[in-house]
PDB file of N, CA and C in Angstrom:
ATOM      1  N   MET A   1      24.241 -21.737  11.962  1.00  0.00           N
ATOM      2  CA  MET A   1      22.883 -21.704  11.476  1.00  0.00           C
ATOM      3  C   MET A   1      21.923 -21.269  12.592  1.00  0.00           C
ATOM      4  N   LEU A   2      22.147 -21.694  13.803  1.00  0.00           N
ATOM      5  CA  LEU A   2      21.310 -21.303  14.940  1.00  0.00           C
ATOM      6  C   LEU A   2      21.388 -19.814  15.178  1.00  0.00           C
ATOM      7  N   ARG A   3      22.583 -19.224  15.019  1.00  0.00           N
ATOM      8  CA  ARG A   3      22.755 -17.784  15.219  1.00  0.00           C
ATOM      9  C   ARG A   3      21.928 -17.004  14.182  1.00  0.00           C
ATOM     10  N   LEU A   4      21.926 -17.479  12.927  1.00  0.00           N
ATOM     11  CA  LEU A   4      21.151 -16.831  11.888  1.00  0.00           C
ATOM     12  C   LEU A   4      19.655 -16.915  12.191  1.00  0.00           C
ATOM     13  N   PHE A   5      19.193 -18.061  12.685  1.00  0.00           N
ATOM     14  CA  PHE A   5      17.806 -18.235  13.033  1.00  0.00           C
ATOM     15  C   PHE A   5      17.419 -17.267  14.167  1.00  0.00           C
ATOM     16  N   LYS A   6      18.260 -17.182  15.189  1.00  0.00           N
ATOM     17  CA  LYS A   6      17.997 -16.286  16.314  1.00  0.00           C
ATOM     18  C   LYS A   6      17.976 -14.817  15.859  1.00  0.00           C
ATOM     19  N   ALA A   7      18.903 -14.463  14.995  1.00  0.00           N
ATOM     20  CA  ALA A   7      18.943 -13.113  14.481  1.00  0.00           C
ATOM     21  C   ALA A   7      17.686 -12.781  13.678  1.00  0.00           C
ATOM     22  N   THR A   8      17.213 -13.748  12.931  1.00  0.00           N
ATOM     23  CA  THR A   8      15.975 -13.556  12.151  1.00  0.00           C
ATOM     24  C   THR A   8      14.781 -13.357  13.088  1.00  0.00           C
ATOM     25  N   ILE A   9      14.718 -14.142  14.144  1.00  0.00           N
ATOM     26  CA  ILE A   9      13.638 -13.998  15.126  1.00  0.00           C
ATOM     27  C   ILE A   9      13.711 -12.616  15.790  1.00  0.00           C
ATOM     28  N   ASN A  10      14.911 -12.194  16.168  1.00  0.00           N
ATOM     29  CA  ASN A  10      15.079 -10.858  16.772  1.00  0.00           C
ATOM     30  C   ASN A  10      14.633  -9.756  15.823  1.00  0.00           C
ATOM     31  N   SER A  11      15.005  -9.888  14.551  1.00  0.00           N
ATOM     32  CA  SER A  11      14.588  -8.889  13.554  1.00  0.00           C
ATOM     33  C   SER A  11      13.059  -8.863  13.400  1.00  0.00           C
ATOM     34  N   TRP A  12      12.462 -10.011  13.340  1.00  0.00           N
ATOM     35  CA  TRP A  12      11.012 -10.095  13.233  1.00  0.00           C
ATOM     36  C   TRP A  12      10.340  -9.456  14.436  1.00  0.00           C
ATOM     37  N   ASN A  13      10.869  -9.746  15.633  1.00  0.00           N
ATOM     38  CA  ASN A  13      10.320  -9.152  16.849  1.00  0.00           C
ATOM     39  C   ASN A  13      10.455  -7.623  16.833  1.00  0.00           C
ATOM     40  N   GLY A  14      11.563  -7.128  16.304  1.00  0.00           N
ATOM     41  CA  GLY A  14      11.758  -5.678  16.208  1.00  0.00           C
ATOM     42  C   GLY A  14      10.771  -5.042  15.239  1.00  0.00           C
ATOM     43  N   LEU A  15      10.527  -5.704  14.111  1.00  0.00           N
ATOM     44  CA  LEU A  15       9.540  -5.189  13.145  1.00  0.00           C
ATOM     45  C   LEU A  15       8.148  -5.168  13.773  1.00  0.00           C
ATOM     46  N   ARG A  16       7.787  -6.225  14.458  1.00  0.00           N
ATOM     47  CA  ARG A  16       6.477  -6.302  15.096  1.00  0.00           C
ATOM     48  C   ARG A  16       6.332  -5.217  16.164  1.00  0.00           C
ATOM     49  N   ALA A  17       7.366  -5.024  16.979  1.00  0.00           N
ATOM     50  CA  ALA A  17       7.325  -4.006  18.016  1.00  0.00           C
ATOM     51  C   ALA A  17       7.141  -2.608  17.419  1.00  0.00           C
ATOM     52  N   ALA A  18       7.881  -2.343  16.351  1.00  0.00           N
ATOM     53  CA  ALA A  18       7.775  -1.024  15.687  1.00  0.00           C
ATOM     54  C   ALA A  18       6.395  -0.833  15.093  1.00  0.00           C
ATOM     55  N   ALA A  19       5.851  -1.886  14.478  1.00  0.00           N
ATOM     56  CA  ALA A  19       4.516  -1.794  13.875  1.00  0.00           C
ATOM     57  C   ALA A  19       3.454  -1.569  14.934  1.00  0.00           C
ATOM     58  N   ARG A  20       3.629  -2.158  16.074  1.00  0.00           N
ATOM     59  CA  ARG A  20       2.641  -1.992  17.162  1.00  0.00           C
ATOM     60  C   ARG A  20       2.720  -0.612  17.810  1.00  0.00           C
ATOM     61  N   SER A  21       3.911  -0.059  17.923  1.00  0.00           N
ATOM     62  CA  SER A  21       4.053   1.153  18.724  1.00  0.00           C
ATOM     63  C   SER A  21       4.198   2.449  17.917  1.00  0.00           C
ATOM     64  N   GLU A  22       4.449   2.336  16.624  1.00  0.00           N
ATOM     65  CA  GLU A  22       4.744   3.533  15.846  1.00  0.00           C
ATOM     66  C   GLU A  22       3.804   3.691  14.659  1.00  0.00           C
ATOM     67  N   ALA A  23       2.968   4.736  14.708  1.00  0.00           N
ATOM     68  CA  ALA A  23       2.036   5.003  13.606  1.00  0.00           C
ATOM     69  C   ALA A  23       2.804   5.288  12.320  1.00  0.00           C
ATOM     70  N   ALA A  24       3.909   6.002  12.397  1.00  0.00           N
ATOM     71  CA  ALA A  24       4.673   6.330  11.194  1.00  0.00           C
ATOM     72  C   ALA A  24       5.159   5.064  10.516  1.00  0.00           C
ATOM     73  N   PHE A  25       5.588   4.074  11.292  1.00  0.00           N
ATOM     74  CA  PHE A  25       6.070   2.828  10.706  1.00  0.00           C
ATOM     75  C   PHE A  25       4.935   2.064  10.046  1.00  0.00           C
ATOM     76  N   ARG A  26       3.763   2.084  10.665  1.00  0.00           N
ATOM     77  CA  ARG A  26       2.598   1.429  10.036  1.00  0.00           C
ATOM     78  C   ARG A  26       2.250   2.128   8.714  1.00  0.00           C
ATOM     79  N   GLU A  27       2.345   3.437   8.684  1.00  0.00           N
ATOM     80  CA  GLU A  27       2.088   4.163   7.427  1.00  0.00           C
ATOM     81  C   GLU A  27       3.110   3.812   6.364  1.00  0.00           C
ATOM     82  N   GLU A  28       4.346   3.613   6.759  1.00  0.00           N
ATOM     83  CA  GLU A  28       5.380   3.240   5.798  1.00  0.00           C
ATOM     84  C   GLU A  28       5.183   1.804   5.303  1.00  0.00           C
ATOM     85  N   ILE A  29       4.670   0.919   6.153  1.00  0.00           N
ATOM     86  CA  ILE A  29       4.316  -0.421   5.699  1.00  0.00           C
ATOM     87  C   ILE A  29       3.236  -0.334   4.635  1.00  0.00           C
ATOM     88  N   ALA A  30       2.234   0.511   4.871  1.00  0.00           N
ATOM     89  CA  ALA A  30       1.161   0.709   3.890  1.00  0.00           C
ATOM     90  C   ALA A  30       1.735   1.280   2.591  1.00  0.00           C
ATOM     91  N   ALA A  31       2.653   2.221   2.715  1.00  0.00           N
ATOM     92  CA  ALA A  31       3.295   2.796   1.527  1.00  0.00           C
ATOM     93  C   ALA A  31       4.058   1.727   0.743  1.00  0.00           C
ATOM     94  N   LEU A  32       4.726   0.823   1.454  1.00  0.00           N
ATOM     95  CA  LEU A  32       5.451  -0.258   0.785  1.00  0.00           C
ATOM     96  C   LEU A  32       4.497  -1.191   0.073  1.00  0.00           C
ATOM     97  N   ILE A  33       3.387  -1.515   0.706  1.00  0.00           N
ATOM     98  CA  ILE A  33       2.388  -2.403   0.084  1.00  0.00           C
ATOM     99  C   ILE A  33       1.833  -1.771  -1.196  1.00  0.00           C
ATOM    100  N   VAL A  34       1.650  -0.474  -1.206  1.00  0.00           N
ATOM    101  CA  VAL A  34       1.194   0.215  -2.405  1.00  0.00           C
ATOM    102  C   VAL A  34       2.333   0.369  -3.418  1.00  0.00           C
ATOM    103  N   ALA A  35       3.529   0.641  -2.943  1.00  0.00           N
ATOM    104  CA  ALA A  35       4.659   0.938  -3.822  1.00  0.00           C
ATOM    105  C   ALA A  35       5.118  -0.255  -4.648  1.00  0.00           C
ATOM    106  N   VAL A  36       5.039  -1.453  -4.087  1.00  0.00           N
ATOM    107  CA  VAL A  36       5.555  -2.623  -4.816  1.00  0.00           C
ATOM    108  C   VAL A  36       4.802  -2.819  -6.144  1.00  0.00           C
ATOM    109  N   PRO A  37       3.482  -2.971  -6.128  1.00  0.00           N
ATOM    110  CA  PRO A  37       2.820  -3.123  -7.423  1.00  0.00           C
ATOM    111  C   PRO A  37       2.874  -1.880  -8.285  1.00  0.00           C
ATOM    112  N   LEU A  38       2.827  -0.697  -7.649  1.00  0.00           N
ATOM    113  CA  LEU A  38       2.880   0.538  -8.399  1.00  0.00           C
ATOM    114  C   LEU A  38       4.219   0.710  -9.121  1.00  0.00           C
ATOM    115  N   ALA A  39       5.301   0.237  -8.516  1.00  0.00           N
ATOM    116  CA  ALA A  39       6.626   0.309  -9.148  1.00  0.00           C
ATOM    117  C   ALA A  39       6.636  -0.445 -10.470  1.00  0.00           C
ATOM    118  N   PHE A  40       5.876  -1.527 -10.550  1.00  0.00           N
ATOM    119  CA  PHE A  40       5.829  -2.316 -11.793  1.00  0.00           C
ATOM    120  C   PHE A  40       5.000  -1.593 -12.869  1.00  0.00           C
ATOM    121  N   LEU A  41       4.115  -0.716 -12.464  1.00  0.00           N
ATOM    122  CA  LEU A  41       3.353   0.076 -13.432  1.00  0.00           C
ATOM    123  C   LEU A  41       4.114   1.324 -13.874  1.00  0.00           C
ATOM    124  N   VAL A  42       4.847   1.915 -12.953  1.00  0.00           N
ATOM    125  CA  VAL A  42       5.542   3.161 -13.237  1.00  0.00           C
ATOM    126  C   VAL A  42       6.863   2.941 -13.961  1.00  0.00           C
ATOM    127  N   ALA A  43       7.647   2.005 -13.496  1.00  0.00           N
ATOM    128  CA  ALA A  43       8.981   1.800 -14.043  1.00  0.00           C
ATOM    129  C   ALA A  43       8.964   0.783 -15.179  1.00  0.00           C
ATOM    130  N   THR A  44       9.784   1.058 -16.168  1.00  0.00           N
ATOM    131  CA  THR A  44       9.846   0.153 -17.320  1.00  0.00           C
ATOM    132  C   THR A  44      11.004  -0.817 -17.254  1.00  0.00           C
ATOM    133  N   ASP A  45      11.940  -0.588 -16.394  1.00  0.00           N
ATOM    134  CA  ASP A  45      13.053  -1.537 -16.274  1.00  0.00           C
ATOM    135  C   ASP A  45      13.295  -1.906 -14.817  1.00  0.00           C
ATOM    136  N   THR A  46      14.025  -2.977 -14.629  1.00  0.00           N
ATOM    137  CA  THR A  46      14.207  -3.569 -13.310  1.00  0.00           C
ATOM    138  C   THR A  46      14.888  -2.629 -12.343  1.00  0.00           C
ATOM    139  N   TRP A  47      15.928  -1.903 -12.778  1.00  0.00           N
ATOM    140  CA  TRP A  47      16.657  -1.022 -11.877  1.00  0.00           C
ATOM    141  C   TRP A  47      15.774   0.090 -11.320  1.00  0.00           C
ATOM    142  N   ARG A  48      14.914   0.635 -12.160  1.00  0.00           N
ATOM    143  CA  ARG A  48      14.001   1.665 -11.667  1.00  0.00           C
ATOM    144  C   ARG A  48      13.016   1.091 -10.656  1.00  0.00           C
ATOM    145  N   ARG A  49      12.549  -0.091 -10.908  1.00  0.00           N
ATOM    146  CA  ARG A  49      11.646  -0.737  -9.937  1.00  0.00           C
ATOM    147  C   ARG A  49      12.338  -0.954  -8.597  1.00  0.00           C
ATOM    148  N   VAL A  50      13.553  -1.451  -8.673  1.00  0.00           N
ATOM    149  CA  VAL A  50      14.335  -1.665  -7.452  1.00  0.00           C
ATOM    150  C   VAL A  50      14.529  -0.340  -6.702  1.00  0.00           C
ATOM    151  N   LEU A  51      14.824   0.713  -7.436  1.00  0.00           N
ATOM    152  CA  LEU A  51      15.021   2.019  -6.819  1.00  0.00           C
ATOM    153  C   LEU A  51      13.733   2.516  -6.164  1.00  0.00           C
ATOM    154  N   LEU A  52      12.615   2.408  -6.867  1.00  0.00           N
ATOM    155  CA  LEU A  52      11.353   2.884  -6.322  1.00  0.00           C
ATOM    156  C   LEU A  52      10.962   2.145  -5.043  1.00  0.00           C
ATOM    157  N   ILE A  53      11.155   0.837  -5.050  1.00  0.00           N
ATOM    158  CA  ILE A  53      10.859   0.044  -3.849  1.00  0.00           C
ATOM    159  C   ILE A  53      11.951   0.276  -2.794  1.00  0.00           C
ATOM    160  N   GLY A  54      13.170   0.379  -3.241  1.00  0.00           N
ATOM    161  CA  GLY A  54      14.301   0.524  -2.332  1.00  0.00           C
ATOM    162  C   GLY A  54      14.253   1.814  -1.486  1.00  0.00           C
ATOM    163  N   VAL A  55      13.791   2.914  -2.099  1.00  0.00           N
ATOM    164  CA  VAL A  55      13.742   4.148  -1.303  1.00  0.00           C
ATOM    165  C   VAL A  55      12.693   4.048  -0.188  1.00  0.00           C
ATOM    166  N   ILE A  56      11.612   3.288  -0.424  1.00  0.00           N
ATOM    167  CA  ILE A  56      10.626   3.087   0.634  1.00  0.00           C
ATOM    168  C   ILE A  56      11.233   2.213   1.750  1.00  0.00           C
ATOM    169  N   VAL A  57      11.958   1.175   1.347  1.00  0.00           N
ATOM    170  CA  VAL A  57      12.613   0.325   2.346  1.00  0.00           C
ATOM    171  C   VAL A  57      13.663   1.124   3.122  1.00  0.00           C
ATOM    172  N   LEU A  58      14.398   1.974   2.428  1.00  0.00           N
ATOM    173  CA  LEU A  58      15.373   2.842   3.108  1.00  0.00           C
ATOM    174  C   LEU A  58      14.684   3.754   4.121  1.00  0.00           C
ATOM    175  N   LEU A  59      13.556   4.309   3.749  1.00  0.00           N
ATOM    176  CA  LEU A  59      12.779   5.123   4.665  1.00  0.00           C
ATOM    177  C   LEU A  59      12.382   4.332   5.904  1.00  0.00           C
ATOM    178  N   MET A  60      11.979   3.085   5.707  1.00  0.00           N
ATOM    179  CA  MET A  60      11.599   2.235   6.831  1.00  0.00           C
ATOM    180  C   MET A  60      12.803   1.930   7.737  1.00  0.00           C
ATOM    181  N   ILE A  61      13.957   1.737   7.142  1.00  0.00           N
ATOM    182  CA  ILE A  61      15.188   1.491   7.897  1.00  0.00           C
ATOM    183  C   ILE A  61      15.508   2.711   8.775  1.00  0.00           C
ATOM    184  N   VAL A  62      15.445   3.887   8.177  1.00  0.00           N
ATOM    185  CA  VAL A  62      15.741   5.112   8.916  1.00  0.00           C
ATOM    186  C   VAL A  62      14.703   5.332  10.013  1.00  0.00           C
ATOM    187  N   GLU A  63      13.438   5.013   9.721  1.00  0.00           N
ATOM    188  CA  GLU A  63      12.410   5.140  10.755  1.00  0.00           C
ATOM    189  C   GLU A  63      12.662   4.191  11.921  1.00  0.00           C
ATOM    190  N   LEU A  64      13.090   2.967  11.624  1.00  0.00           N
ATOM    191  CA  LEU A  64      13.421   2.012  12.694  1.00  0.00           C
ATOM    192  C   LEU A  64      14.563   2.529  13.564  1.00  0.00           C
ATOM    193  N   LEU A  65      15.596   3.093  12.930  1.00  0.00           N
ATOM    194  CA  LEU A  65      16.711   3.635  13.705  1.00  0.00           C
ATOM    195  C   LEU A  65      16.260   4.843  14.533  1.00  0.00           C
ATOM    196  N   ASN A  66      15.427   5.693  13.958  1.00  0.00           N
ATOM    197  CA  ASN A  66      14.883   6.834  14.682  1.00  0.00           C
ATOM    198  C   ASN A  66      14.093   6.361  15.905  1.00  0.00           C
ATOM    199  N   THR A  67      13.256   5.376  15.685  1.00  0.00           N
ATOM    200  CA  THR A  67      12.453   4.833  16.789  1.00  0.00           C
ATOM    201  C   THR A  67      13.334   4.252  17.880  1.00  0.00           C
ATOM    202  N   ALA A  68      14.368   3.529  17.483  1.00  0.00           N
ATOM    203  CA  ALA A  68      15.290   2.951  18.475  1.00  0.00           C
ATOM    204  C   ALA A  68      15.981   4.038  19.271  1.00  0.00           C
ATOM    205  N   ILE A  69      16.411   5.105  18.610  1.00  0.00           N
ATOM    206  CA  ILE A  69      17.054   6.212  19.308  1.00  0.00           C
ATOM    207  C   ILE A  69      16.081   6.882  20.275  1.00  0.00           C
ATOM    208  N   GLU A  70      14.851   7.082  19.842  1.00  0.00           N
ATOM    209  CA  GLU A  70      13.850   7.705  20.710  1.00  0.00           C
ATOM    210  C   GLU A  70      13.554   6.816  21.919  1.00  0.00           C
ATOM    211  N   LYS A  71      13.351   5.539  21.701  1.00  0.00           N
ATOM    212  CA  LYS A  71      13.033   4.617  22.806  1.00  0.00           C
ATOM    213  C   LYS A  71      14.200   4.531  23.801  1.00  0.00           C
ATOM    214  N   LEU A  72      15.411   4.440  23.280  1.00  0.00           N
ATOM    215  CA  LEU A  72      16.591   4.387  24.145  1.00  0.00           C
ATOM    216  C   LEU A  72      16.727   5.690  24.927  1.00  0.00           C
ATOM    217  N   SER A  73      16.555   6.805  24.264  1.00  0.00           N
ATOM    218  CA  SER A  73      16.647   8.115  24.913  1.00  0.00           C
ATOM    219  C   SER A  73      15.641   8.249  26.048  1.00  0.00           C
ATOM    220  N   ASP A  74      14.411   7.836  25.771  1.00  0.00           N
ATOM    221  CA  ASP A  74      13.363   7.914  26.795  1.00  0.00           C
ATOM    222  C   ASP A  74      13.656   6.955  27.962  1.00  0.00           C
ATOM    223  N   HIS A  75      14.333   5.866  27.668  1.00  0.00           N
ATOM    224  CA  HIS A  75      14.701   4.940  28.729  1.00  0.00           C
ATOM    225  C   HIS A  75      15.833   5.498  29.604  1.00  0.00           C
ATOM    226  N   VAL A  76      16.769   6.175  28.982  1.00  0.00           N
ATOM    227  CA  VAL A  76      17.891   6.745  29.725  1.00  0.00           C
ATOM    228  C   VAL A  76      17.387   7.795  30.702  1.00  0.00           C
ATOM    229  N   THR A  77      16.523   8.701  30.217  1.00  0.00           N
ATOM    230  CA  THR A  77      15.920   9.698  31.106  1.00  0.00           C
ATOM    231  C   THR A  77      14.571  10.123  30.533  1.00  0.00           C
ATOM    232  N   PRO A  78      13.526   9.940  31.290  1.00  0.00           N
ATOM    233  CA  PRO A  78      12.205  10.394  30.828  1.00  0.00           C
ATOM    234  C   PRO A  78      12.053  11.917  30.961  1.00  0.00           C
ATOM    235  N   ASP A  79      12.955  12.558  31.701  1.00  0.00           N
ATOM    236  CA  ASP A  79      12.923  14.010  31.868  1.00  0.00           C
ATOM    237  C   ASP A  79      13.490  14.704  30.624  1.00  0.00           C
ATOM    238  N   HIS A  80      13.099  15.960  30.445  1.00  0.00           N
ATOM    239  CA  HIS A  80      13.636  16.728  29.311  1.00  0.00           C
ATOM    240  C   HIS A  80      15.129  16.958  29.521  1.00  0.00           C
ATOM    241  N   HIS A  81      15.894  16.657  28.475  1.00  0.00           N
ATOM    242  CA  HIS A  81      17.356  16.841  28.509  1.00  0.00           C
ATOM    243  C   HIS A  81      17.749  17.479  27.184  1.00  0.00           C
ATOM    244  N   VAL A  82      18.402  18.626  27.235  1.00  0.00           N
ATOM    245  CA  VAL A  82      18.704  19.381  26.034  1.00  0.00           C
ATOM    246  C   VAL A  82      19.499  18.569  25.020  1.00  0.00           C
ATOM    247  N   ALA A  83      20.547  17.918  25.436  1.00  0.00           N
ATOM    248  CA  ALA A  83      21.405  17.158  24.503  1.00  0.00           C
ATOM    249  C   ALA A  83      20.636  15.990  23.900  1.00  0.00           C
ATOM    250  N   ILE A  84      19.838  15.297  24.711  1.00  0.00           N
ATOM    251  CA  ILE A  84      19.057  14.189  24.169  1.00  0.00           C
ATOM    252  C   ILE A  84      18.000  14.712  23.203  1.00  0.00           C
ATOM    253  N   GLY A  85      17.441  15.867  23.519  1.00  0.00           N
ATOM    254  CA  GLY A  85      16.485  16.490  22.611  1.00  0.00           C
ATOM    255  C   GLY A  85      17.115  16.770  21.241  1.00  0.00           C
ATOM    256  N   ARG A  86      18.337  17.240  21.225  1.00  0.00           N
ATOM    257  CA  ARG A  86      19.020  17.501  19.958  1.00  0.00           C
ATOM    258  C   ARG A  86      19.276  16.201  19.210  1.00  0.00           C
ATOM    259  N   ILE A  87      19.654  15.141  19.913  1.00  0.00           N
ATOM    260  CA  ILE A  87      19.888  13.831  19.295  1.00  0.00           C
ATOM    261  C   ILE A  87      18.602  13.317  18.666  1.00  0.00           C
ATOM    262  N   LYS A  88      17.492  13.435  19.387  1.00  0.00           N
ATOM    263  CA  LYS A  88      16.206  13.015  18.826  1.00  0.00           C
ATOM    264  C   LYS A  88      15.807  13.852  17.622  1.00  0.00           C
ATOM    265  N   ASP A  89      16.112  15.147  17.654  1.00  0.00           N
ATOM    266  CA  ASP A  89      15.832  16.013  16.515  1.00  0.00           C
ATOM    267  C   ASP A  89      16.645  15.604  15.295  1.00  0.00           C
ATOM    268  N   MET A  90      17.903  15.236  15.526  1.00  0.00           N
ATOM    269  CA  MET A  90      18.761  14.785  14.415  1.00  0.00           C
ATOM    270  C   MET A  90      18.231  13.503  13.789  1.00  0.00           C
ATOM    271  N   ALA A  91      17.780  12.569  14.631  1.00  0.00           N
ATOM    272  CA  ALA A  91      17.207  11.332  14.128  1.00  0.00           C
ATOM    273  C   ALA A  91      15.927  11.615  13.341  1.00  0.00           C
ATOM    274  N   SER A  92      15.133  12.540  13.836  1.00  0.00           N
ATOM    275  CA  SER A  92      13.925  12.944  13.122  1.00  0.00           C
ATOM    276  C   SER A  92      14.283  13.607  11.779  1.00  0.00           C
ATOM    277  N   ALA A  93      15.329  14.389  11.765  1.00  0.00           N
ATOM    278  CA  ALA A  93      15.777  15.025  10.514  1.00  0.00           C
ATOM    279  C   ALA A  93      16.217  13.970   9.509  1.00  0.00           C
ATOM    280  N   ALA A  94      16.819  12.875   9.979  1.00  0.00           N
ATOM    281  CA  ALA A  94      17.201  11.796   9.082  1.00  0.00           C
ATOM    282  C   ALA A  94      15.957  11.202   8.402  1.00  0.00           C
ATOM    283  N   VAL A  95      14.897  11.033   9.163  1.00  0.00           N
ATOM    284  CA  VAL A  95      13.642  10.530   8.597  1.00  0.00           C
ATOM    285  C   VAL A  95      13.108  11.529   7.583  1.00  0.00           C
ATOM    286  N   GLY A  96      13.177  12.811   7.923  1.00  0.00           N
ATOM    287  CA  GLY A  96      12.712  13.841   6.988  1.00  0.00           C
ATOM    288  C   GLY A  96      13.476  13.814   5.675  1.00  0.00           C
ATOM    289  N   LEU A  97      14.791  13.645   5.749  1.00  0.00           N
ATOM    290  CA  LEU A  97      15.592  13.580   4.526  1.00  0.00           C
ATOM    291  C   LEU A  97      15.264  12.328   3.723  1.00  0.00           C
ATOM    292  N   ALA A  98      15.047  11.217   4.406  1.00  0.00           N
ATOM    293  CA  ALA A  98      14.653   9.977   3.700  1.00  0.00           C
ATOM    294  C   ALA A  98      13.308  10.169   3.009  1.00  0.00           C
ATOM    295  N   LEU A  99      12.372  10.849   3.668  1.00  0.00           N
ATOM    296  CA  LEU A  99      11.084  11.125   3.046  1.00  0.00           C
ATOM    297  C   LEU A  99      11.266  12.021   1.806  1.00  0.00           C
ATOM    298  N   LEU A 100      12.114  13.024   1.942  1.00  0.00           N
ATOM    299  CA  LEU A 100      12.389  13.901   0.809  1.00  0.00           C
ATOM    300  C   LEU A 100      12.970  13.094  -0.370  1.00  0.00           C
ATOM    301  N   LEU A 101      13.913  12.233  -0.082  1.00  0.00           N
ATOM    302  CA  LEU A 101      14.504  11.387  -1.124  1.00  0.00           C
ATOM    303  C   LEU A 101      13.433  10.531  -1.783  1.00  0.00           C
ATOM    304  N   CYS A 102      12.555   9.906  -1.001  1.00  0.00           N
ATOM    305  CA  CYS A 102      11.473   9.099  -1.567  1.00  0.00           C
ATOM    306  C   CYS A 102      10.604   9.930  -2.493  1.00  0.00           C
ATOM    307  N   GLY A 103      10.241  11.096  -2.008  1.00  0.00           N
ATOM    308  CA  GLY A 103       9.385  11.969  -2.811  1.00  0.00           C
ATOM    309  C   GLY A 103      10.023  12.343  -4.121  1.00  0.00           C
ATOM    310  N   VAL A 104      11.285  12.724  -4.093  1.00  0.00           N
ATOM    311  CA  VAL A 104      11.986  13.124  -5.312  1.00  0.00           C
ATOM    312  C   VAL A 104      12.104  11.939  -6.291  1.00  0.00           C
ATOM    313  N   VAL A 105      12.500  10.790  -5.807  1.00  0.00           N
ATOM    314  CA  VAL A 105      12.659   9.622  -6.680  1.00  0.00           C
ATOM    315  C   VAL A 105      11.333   9.248  -7.316  1.00  0.00           C
ATOM    316  N   TRP A 106      10.260   9.192  -6.521  1.00  0.00           N
ATOM    317  CA  TRP A 106       8.946   8.843  -7.075  1.00  0.00           C
ATOM    318  C   TRP A 106       8.424   9.911  -8.045  1.00  0.00           C
ATOM    319  N   LEU A 107       8.635  11.181  -7.715  1.00  0.00           N
ATOM    320  CA  LEU A 107       8.169  12.241  -8.627  1.00  0.00           C
ATOM    321  C   LEU A 107       8.931  12.193  -9.967  1.00  0.00           C
ATOM    322  N   VAL A 108      10.221  11.970  -9.903  1.00  0.00           N
ATOM    323  CA  VAL A 108      11.001  11.876 -11.150  1.00  0.00           C
ATOM    324  C   VAL A 108      10.546  10.670 -11.960  1.00  0.00           C
ATOM    325  N   ALA A 109      10.339   9.547 -11.316  1.00  0.00           N
ATOM    326  CA  ALA A 109       9.887   8.334 -12.024  1.00  0.00           C
ATOM    327  C   ALA A 109       8.522   8.558 -12.641  1.00  0.00           C
ATOM    328  N   LEU A 110       7.608   9.186 -11.923  1.00  0.00           N
ATOM    329  CA  LEU A 110       6.283   9.474 -12.497  1.00  0.00           C
ATOM    330  C   LEU A 110       6.362  10.472 -13.632  1.00  0.00           C
ATOM    331  N   ALA A 111       7.212  11.476 -13.476  1.00  0.00           N
ATOM    332  CA  ALA A 111       7.375  12.474 -14.549  1.00  0.00           C
ATOM    333  C   ALA A 111       7.943  11.833 -15.794  1.00  0.00           C
ATOM    334  N   GLU A 112       8.927  10.944 -15.622  1.00  0.00           N
ATOM    335  CA  GLU A 112       9.463  10.227 -16.805  1.00  0.00           C
ATOM    336  C   GLU A 112       8.397   9.354 -17.456  1.00  0.00           C
ATOM    337  N   ARG A 113       7.662   8.645 -16.626  1.00  0.00           N
ATOM    338  CA  ARG A 113       6.646   7.696 -17.135  1.00  0.00           C
ATOM    339  C   ARG A 113       5.567   8.407 -17.932  1.00  0.00           C
ATOM    340  N   PHE A 114       5.176   9.599 -17.494  1.00  0.00           N
ATOM    341  CA  PHE A 114       4.097  10.294 -18.166  1.00  0.00           C
ATOM    342  C   PHE A 114       4.599  11.380 -19.124  1.00  0.00           C
ATOM    343  N   GLY A 115       5.901  11.355 -19.433  1.00  0.00           N
ATOM    344  CA  GLY A 115       6.479  12.179 -20.477  1.00  0.00           C
ATOM    345  C   GLY A 115       6.736  13.624 -20.122  1.00  0.00           C
ATOM    346  N   PHE A 116       6.849  13.931 -18.836  1.00  0.00           N
ATOM    347  CA  PHE A 116       7.144  15.293 -18.446  1.00  0.00           C
ATOM    348  C   PHE A 116       8.649  15.550 -18.428  1.00  0.00           C
ATOM    349  N   LEU A 117       9.453  14.491 -18.445  1.00  0.00           N
ATOM    350  CA  LEU A 117      10.904  14.648 -18.486  1.00  0.00           C
ATOM    351  C   LEU A 117      11.479  13.944 -19.680  1.00  0.00           C
TER     352      LEU A 117
END
């Protein structure tokens, strides 16, 4: 039980650190705050609501991993390094794909809701 408590504290500290240092993560928190009630207006069934909220949470997860990779890379060497630059680009691409997924899921849900599909 103590291990679970410590892990929860570590997770909370990680979320707070990301929120303090990363504008993109703060924007995603705002998106989540908007998305939760909006999902109940857009989706008619529970699975769609879970999906609409879940893709935002997935985006936040990928953003956290991207941030961790960037922070670790900068710690390893603050100088420009070609291989590390490619690694950071790949992590950024993962965020881009997660954003694309969010956009597609929300657009399809809105199109269904308003009778375009």
